[in-house]
Amino acid sequence: MTIVQISDTHNCHRQLANLPAADVLVHCGDFTDMGTEQEVLDFLNWLIELPYKHKVFVTGNHDLCLWDAADIEDLPNEVHFLQDRSCEIEGMKFFGLGYNHSEQLIPSGTDILVTHEPPCMILDKSNGTHWGNAPLKNKVMEINPKYHLFGHAHEAYGTIKHGETTFSNAAILDDDYTICHQPKIFCL
């Protein structure tokens, strides 16, 4: 299975031409700027049209109108809104944690954890500040997923491996909201 990861597109998703081919596209939140329903609908229409077998997304701090949503009606079967829930794709268990939701919701046995926030001190420094979440880091170290995919800290784009887990920040935009990074690709 091949995964393409993006994050922090802030309404620039339609400018992402020629996304790499893959089985799964994962968006780690902040697909809107102001979090309006109109912005969400534009993103969802774009996402649904993409030619991936599966599309996974979670909310970020900008995606306000979906913060408390448990589900989104009428999404196609291949689009997975993982707001504090999991799905299985080709034998891999994905779990998505909604922005600012309790890390205690993350179940053991998760293969691919999708959050918006980074774990504390791991690819979390942007604009001179560490934006990571310490309880999230503790939970990740406890359950040891194969991958932890996130964004939020625009300047901390990168991938590192710590123990059994590959951590990846795929923020596409820099702090000036200019597209400057490429999507991340993982072959599992």
C-alpha atoms as a PDB file:
ATOM      1  CA  MET A   1       0.000   0.000   0.000  1.00  0.00           C
ATOM      2  CA  THR A   2       1.215   3.497  -0.864  1.00  0.00           C
ATOM      3  CA  ILE A   3       0.160   6.549   1.145  1.00  0.00           C
ATOM      4  CA  VAL A   4       0.393  10.204   0.130  1.00  0.00           C
ATOM      5  CA  GLN A   5       0.297  12.569   3.113  1.00  0.00           C
ATOM      6  CA  ILE A   6      -0.540  16.276   3.028  1.00  0.00           C
ATOM      7  CA  SER A   7      -1.496  18.784   5.714  1.00  0.00           C
ATOM      8  CA  ASP A   8      -2.109  22.474   6.282  1.00  0.00           C
ATOM      9  CA  THR A   9      -3.321  23.374   2.816  1.00  0.00           C
ATOM     10  CA  HIS A  10      -5.503  26.276   4.121  1.00  0.00           C
ATOM     11  CA  ASN A  11      -7.787  26.562   1.062  1.00  0.00           C
ATOM     12  CA  CYS A  12      -4.874  26.063  -1.374  1.00  0.00           C
ATOM     13  CA  HIS A  13      -5.817  22.433  -2.094  1.00  0.00           C
ATOM     14  CA  ARG A  14      -6.885  23.171  -5.684  1.00  0.00           C
ATOM     15  CA  GLN A  15      -3.367  24.474  -6.380  1.00  0.00           C
ATOM     16  CA  LEU A  16      -1.908  21.034  -5.666  1.00  0.00           C
ATOM     17  CA  ALA A  17      -1.583  19.852  -9.224  1.00  0.00           C
ATOM     18  CA  ASN A  18      -0.175  16.447 -10.092  1.00  0.00           C
ATOM     19  CA  LEU A  19      -0.408  14.824  -6.677  1.00  0.00           C
ATOM     20  CA  PRO A  20       1.527  11.542  -6.667  1.00  0.00           C
ATOM     21  CA  ALA A  21      -0.264   8.291  -7.419  1.00  0.00           C
ATOM     22  CA  ALA A  22      -1.039   6.179  -4.356  1.00  0.00           C
ATOM     23  CA  ASP A  23      -3.655   3.932  -2.803  1.00  0.00           C
ATOM     24  CA  VAL A  24      -4.476   6.278   0.076  1.00  0.00           C
ATOM     25  CA  LEU A  25      -4.413  10.061   0.460  1.00  0.00           C
ATOM     26  CA  VAL A  26      -4.184  11.312   4.055  1.00  0.00           C
ATOM     27  CA  HIS A  27      -4.898  14.945   4.928  1.00  0.00           C
ATOM     28  CA  CYS A  28      -3.880  15.851   8.490  1.00  0.00           C
ATOM     29  CA  GLY A  29      -6.123  18.886   8.911  1.00  0.00           C
ATOM     30  CA  ASP A  30      -6.222  22.628   8.386  1.00  0.00           C
ATOM     31  CA  PHE A  31      -7.739  22.253   4.937  1.00  0.00           C
ATOM     32  CA  THR A  32      -9.650  25.517   5.571  1.00  0.00           C
ATOM     33  CA  ASP A  33      -8.508  28.945   6.687  1.00  0.00           C
ATOM     34  CA  MET A  34     -11.524  30.375   8.542  1.00  0.00           C
ATOM     35  CA  GLY A  35     -13.318  27.066   9.142  1.00  0.00           C
ATOM     36  CA  THR A  36     -16.524  28.019   7.334  1.00  0.00           C
ATOM     37  CA  GLU A  37     -19.011  25.574   5.906  1.00  0.00           C
ATOM     38  CA  GLN A  38     -18.350  26.942   2.395  1.00  0.00           C
ATOM     39  CA  GLU A  39     -14.603  26.240   2.767  1.00  0.00           C
ATOM     40  CA  VAL A  40     -15.311  22.714   4.022  1.00  0.00           C
ATOM     41  CA  LEU A  41     -17.671  22.011   1.108  1.00  0.00           C
ATOM     42  CA  ASP A  42     -15.084  23.215  -1.403  1.00  0.00           C
ATOM     43  CA  PHE A  43     -12.463  20.949   0.184  1.00  0.00           C
ATOM     44  CA  LEU A  44     -14.804  17.939   0.280  1.00  0.00           C
ATOM     45  CA  ASN A  45     -15.790  18.386  -3.377  1.00  0.00           C
ATOM     46  CA  TRP A  46     -12.106  18.493  -4.319  1.00  0.00           C
ATOM     47  CA  LEU A  47     -11.275  15.490  -2.133  1.00  0.00           C
ATOM     48  CA  ILE A  48     -14.115  13.372  -3.479  1.00  0.00           C
ATOM     49  CA  GLU A  49     -12.971  14.013  -7.066  1.00  0.00           C
ATOM     50  CA  LEU A  50      -9.406  12.796  -6.428  1.00  0.00           C
ATOM     51  CA  PRO A  51      -8.587   9.406  -7.991  1.00  0.00           C
ATOM     52  CA  TYR A  52      -7.409   7.623  -4.815  1.00  0.00           C
ATOM     53  CA  LYS A  53      -8.970   4.337  -3.667  1.00  0.00           C
ATOM     54  CA  HIS A  54      -9.169   5.762  -0.145  1.00  0.00           C
ATOM     55  CA  LYS A  55      -9.065   9.292   1.259  1.00  0.00           C
ATOM     56  CA  VAL A  56      -8.587   9.895   4.986  1.00  0.00           C
ATOM     57  CA  PHE A  57      -8.814  13.242   6.772  1.00  0.00           C
ATOM     58  CA  VAL A  58      -8.986  14.774  10.254  1.00  0.00           C
ATOM     59  CA  THR A  59      -9.754  18.261  11.525  1.00  0.00           C
ATOM     60  CA  GLY A  60      -7.169  20.890  12.352  1.00  0.00           C
ATOM     61  CA  ASN A  61      -7.378  24.009  14.473  1.00  0.00           C
ATOM     62  CA  HIS A  62      -8.648  26.074  11.509  1.00  0.00           C
ATOM     63  CA  ASP A  63     -11.451  23.644  10.598  1.00  0.00           C
ATOM     64  CA  LEU A  64     -13.825  25.131  13.172  1.00  0.00           C
ATOM     65  CA  CYS A  65     -17.204  24.084  11.814  1.00  0.00           C
ATOM     66  CA  LEU A  66     -16.225  20.392  12.030  1.00  0.00           C
ATOM     67  CA  TRP A  67     -14.632  20.376  15.495  1.00  0.00           C
ATOM     68  CA  ASP A  68     -17.658  18.793  17.144  1.00  0.00           C
ATOM     69  CA  ALA A  69     -18.894  16.788  14.165  1.00  0.00           C
ATOM     70  CA  ALA A  70     -19.108  13.060  14.777  1.00  0.00           C
ATOM     71  CA  ASP A  71     -19.745  12.288  11.128  1.00  0.00           C
ATOM     72  CA  ILE A  72     -20.387  13.918   7.764  1.00  0.00           C
ATOM     73  CA  GLU A  73     -23.467  12.703   5.912  1.00  0.00           C
ATOM     74  CA  ASP A  74     -23.360  11.391   2.359  1.00  0.00           C
ATOM     75  CA  LEU A  75     -19.603  10.931   2.015  1.00  0.00           C
ATOM     76  CA  PRO A  76     -18.671   8.236  -0.495  1.00  0.00           C
ATOM     77  CA  ASN A  77     -17.436   4.961   1.013  1.00  0.00           C
ATOM     78  CA  GLU A  78     -13.838   5.684   0.009  1.00  0.00           C
ATOM     79  CA  VAL A  79     -13.739   8.958   1.989  1.00  0.00           C
ATOM     80  CA  HIS A  80     -13.013   8.411   5.683  1.00  0.00           C
ATOM     81  CA  PHE A  81     -13.611  11.294   8.107  1.00  0.00           C
ATOM     82  CA  LEU A  82     -11.676   9.960  11.069  1.00  0.00           C
ATOM     83  CA  GLN A  83     -12.946  12.144  13.872  1.00  0.00           C
ATOM     84  CA  ASP A  84     -11.984  10.023  16.882  1.00  0.00           C
ATOM     85  CA  ARG A  85     -12.547   6.798  15.013  1.00  0.00           C
ATOM     86  CA  SER A  86     -10.726   4.152  13.072  1.00  0.00           C
ATOM     87  CA  CYS A  87     -11.008   2.355   9.782  1.00  0.00           C
ATOM     88  CA  GLU A  88      -9.120  -0.537   8.270  1.00  0.00           C
ATOM     89  CA  ILE A  89      -7.569  -0.229   4.826  1.00  0.00           C
ATOM     90  CA  GLU A  90      -5.770  -3.195   3.277  1.00  0.00           C
ATOM     91  CA  GLY A  91      -5.190  -4.732   6.696  1.00  0.00           C
ATOM     92  CA  MET A  92      -3.803  -1.534   8.268  1.00  0.00           C
ATOM     93  CA  LYS A  93      -5.706   0.077  11.144  1.00  0.00           C
ATOM     94  CA  PHE A  94      -5.923   3.862  10.756  1.00  0.00           C
ATOM     95  CA  PHE A  95      -7.085   6.014  13.666  1.00  0.00           C
ATOM     96  CA  GLY A  96      -7.798   9.722  13.369  1.00  0.00           C
ATOM     97  CA  LEU A  97      -7.907  12.037  16.349  1.00  0.00           C
ATOM     98  CA  GLY A  98      -9.892  15.255  16.020  1.00  0.00           C
ATOM     99  CA  TYR A  99      -8.063  18.469  16.790  1.00  0.00           C
ATOM    100  CA  ASN A 100      -7.653  19.108  20.514  1.00  0.00           C
ATOM    101  CA  HIS A 101      -9.463  15.881  21.427  1.00  0.00           C
ATOM    102  CA  SER A 102      -8.219  13.554  24.138  1.00  0.00           C
ATOM    103  CA  GLU A 103      -5.288  11.346  23.207  1.00  0.00           C
ATOM    104  CA  GLN A 104      -6.827   8.719  25.514  1.00  0.00           C
ATOM    105  CA  LEU A 105      -9.239   7.940  22.667  1.00  0.00           C
ATOM    106  CA  ILE A 106      -6.379   6.442  20.624  1.00  0.00           C
ATOM    107  CA  PRO A 107      -6.672   2.651  20.788  1.00  0.00           C
ATOM    108  CA  SER A 108      -3.769   0.263  21.084  1.00  0.00           C
ATOM    109  CA  GLY A 109      -3.264  -1.724  17.902  1.00  0.00           C
ATOM    110  CA  THR A 110      -3.312   1.402  15.754  1.00  0.00           C
ATOM    111  CA  ASP A 111      -0.952   1.038  12.786  1.00  0.00           C
ATOM    112  CA  ILE A 112      -1.294   4.554  11.358  1.00  0.00           C
ATOM    113  CA  LEU A 113      -2.202   7.425  13.660  1.00  0.00           C
ATOM    114  CA  VAL A 114      -3.467  10.572  11.961  1.00  0.00           C
ATOM    115  CA  THR A 115      -3.606  13.784  14.009  1.00  0.00           C
ATOM    116  CA  HIS A 116      -3.270  17.460  13.295  1.00  0.00           C
ATOM    117  CA  GLU A 117      -1.068  18.256  16.252  1.00  0.00           C
ATOM    118  CA  PRO A 118       2.486  16.942  16.418  1.00  0.00           C
ATOM    119  CA  PRO A 119       3.802  15.181  19.493  1.00  0.00           C
ATOM    120  CA  CYS A 120       5.838  17.398  21.800  1.00  0.00           C
ATOM    121  CA  MET A 121       9.426  18.019  20.620  1.00  0.00           C
ATOM    122  CA  ILE A 122       9.048  15.911  17.453  1.00  0.00           C
ATOM    123  CA  LEU A 123       8.802  17.961  14.241  1.00  0.00           C
ATOM    124  CA  ASP A 124       6.819  20.558  16.176  1.00  0.00           C
ATOM    125  CA  LYS A 125       8.860  23.786  16.062  1.00  0.00           C
ATOM    126  CA  SER A 126       7.534  26.619  13.926  1.00  0.00           C
ATOM    127  CA  ASN A 127       7.957  30.373  14.219  1.00  0.00           C
ATOM    128  CA  GLY A 128      10.241  29.845  17.201  1.00  0.00           C
ATOM    129  CA  THR A 129       7.656  27.912  19.225  1.00  0.00           C
ATOM    130  CA  HIS A 130       7.231  24.200  19.971  1.00  0.00           C
ATOM    131  CA  TRP A 131       3.575  23.467  19.181  1.00  0.00           C
ATOM    132  CA  GLY A 132       3.622  19.791  20.143  1.00  0.00           C
ATOM    133  CA  ASN A 133       1.302  18.039  22.530  1.00  0.00           C
ATOM    134  CA  ALA A 134       3.017  16.263  25.474  1.00  0.00           C
ATOM    135  CA  PRO A 135       0.149  13.895  26.413  1.00  0.00           C
ATOM    136  CA  LEU A 136      -0.122  12.928  22.728  1.00  0.00           C
ATOM    137  CA  LYS A 137       3.589  12.090  22.658  1.00  0.00           C
ATOM    138  CA  ASN A 138       3.200   9.941  25.775  1.00  0.00           C
ATOM    139  CA  LYS A 139       0.293   8.034  24.210  1.00  0.00           C
ATOM    140  CA  VAL A 140       2.175   7.508  20.938  1.00  0.00           C
ATOM    141  CA  MET A 141       5.204   6.167  22.828  1.00  0.00           C
ATOM    142  CA  GLU A 142       2.866   3.832  24.729  1.00  0.00           C
ATOM    143  CA  ILE A 143       1.070   2.325  21.720  1.00  0.00           C
ATOM    144  CA  ASN A 144       3.937   2.506  19.167  1.00  0.00           C
ATOM    145  CA  PRO A 145       2.056   2.888  15.881  1.00  0.00           C
ATOM    146  CA  LYS A 146       4.030   2.182  12.715  1.00  0.00           C
ATOM    147  CA  TYR A 147       3.347   5.750  11.533  1.00  0.00           C
ATOM    148  CA  HIS A 148       2.217   8.982  13.168  1.00  0.00           C
ATOM    149  CA  LEU A 149       1.117  11.434  10.465  1.00  0.00           C
ATOM    150  CA  PHE A 150       0.431  15.076  11.371  1.00  0.00           C
ATOM    151  CA  GLY A 151       1.059  18.737  10.448  1.00  0.00           C
ATOM    152  CA  HIS A 152       0.254  22.005  12.270  1.00  0.00           C
ATOM    153  CA  ALA A 153       3.851  23.272  12.693  1.00  0.00           C
ATOM    154  CA  HIS A 154       4.452  24.602   9.175  1.00  0.00           C
ATOM    155  CA  GLU A 155       8.218  25.075   9.495  1.00  0.00           C
ATOM    156  CA  ALA A 156       8.769  21.588  10.941  1.00  0.00           C
ATOM    157  CA  TYR A 157       8.058  19.710   7.701  1.00  0.00           C
ATOM    158  CA  GLY A 158       9.986  16.464   7.737  1.00  0.00           C
ATOM    159  CA  THR A 159      10.128  12.786   8.641  1.00  0.00           C
ATOM    160  CA  ILE A 160      12.038  11.031  11.404  1.00  0.00           C
ATOM    161  CA  LYS A 161      11.980   7.591  12.961  1.00  0.00           C
ATOM    162  CA  HIS A 162      11.969   7.214  16.727  1.00  0.00           C
ATOM    163  CA  GLY A 163      11.860   3.658  18.038  1.00  0.00           C
ATOM    164  CA  GLU A 164       9.264   1.696  16.091  1.00  0.00           C
ATOM    165  CA  THR A 165       7.376   4.763  14.864  1.00  0.00           C
ATOM    166  CA  THR A 166       7.947   6.910  11.791  1.00  0.00           C
ATOM    167  CA  PHE A 167       6.831  10.485  12.502  1.00  0.00           C
ATOM    168  CA  SER A 168       5.876  12.704   9.573  1.00  0.00           C
ATOM    169  CA  ASN A 169       4.907  16.372   9.419  1.00  0.00           C
ATOM    170  CA  ALA A 170       3.543  17.098   5.932  1.00  0.00           C
ATOM    171  CA  ALA A 171       2.586  20.782   6.258  1.00  0.00           C
ATOM    172  CA  ILE A 172       2.429  21.937   2.647  1.00  0.00           C
ATOM    173  CA  LEU A 173       2.483  25.689   3.363  1.00  0.00           C
ATOM    174  CA  ASP A 174       5.060  27.768   5.195  1.00  0.00           C
ATOM    175  CA  ASP A 175       4.098  30.344   7.834  1.00  0.00           C
ATOM    176  CA  ASP A 176       3.445  32.899   5.064  1.00  0.00           C
ATOM    177  CA  TYR A 177       0.885  30.479   3.533  1.00  0.00           C
ATOM    178  CA  THR A 178       3.011  29.854   0.467  1.00  0.00           C
ATOM    179  CA  ILE A 179       3.124  26.338  -0.976  1.00  0.00           C
ATOM    180  CA  CYS A 180       6.709  25.269  -0.431  1.00  0.00           C
ATOM    181  CA  HIS A 181       6.681  21.552   0.452  1.00  0.00           C
ATOM    182  CA  GLN A 182       5.891  18.398  -1.463  1.00  0.00           C
ATOM    183  CA  PRO A 183       3.454  15.714  -0.323  1.00  0.00           C
ATOM    184  CA  LYS A 184       5.044  12.875   1.658  1.00  0.00           C
ATOM    185  CA  ILE A 185       4.954   9.367   0.160  1.00  0.00           C
ATOM    186  CA  PHE A 186       5.154   6.138   2.146  1.00  0.00           C
ATOM    187  CA  CYS A 187       5.251   2.600   0.797  1.00  0.00           C
ATOM    188  CA  LEU A 188       4.076   0.088   3.374  1.00  0.00           C
END
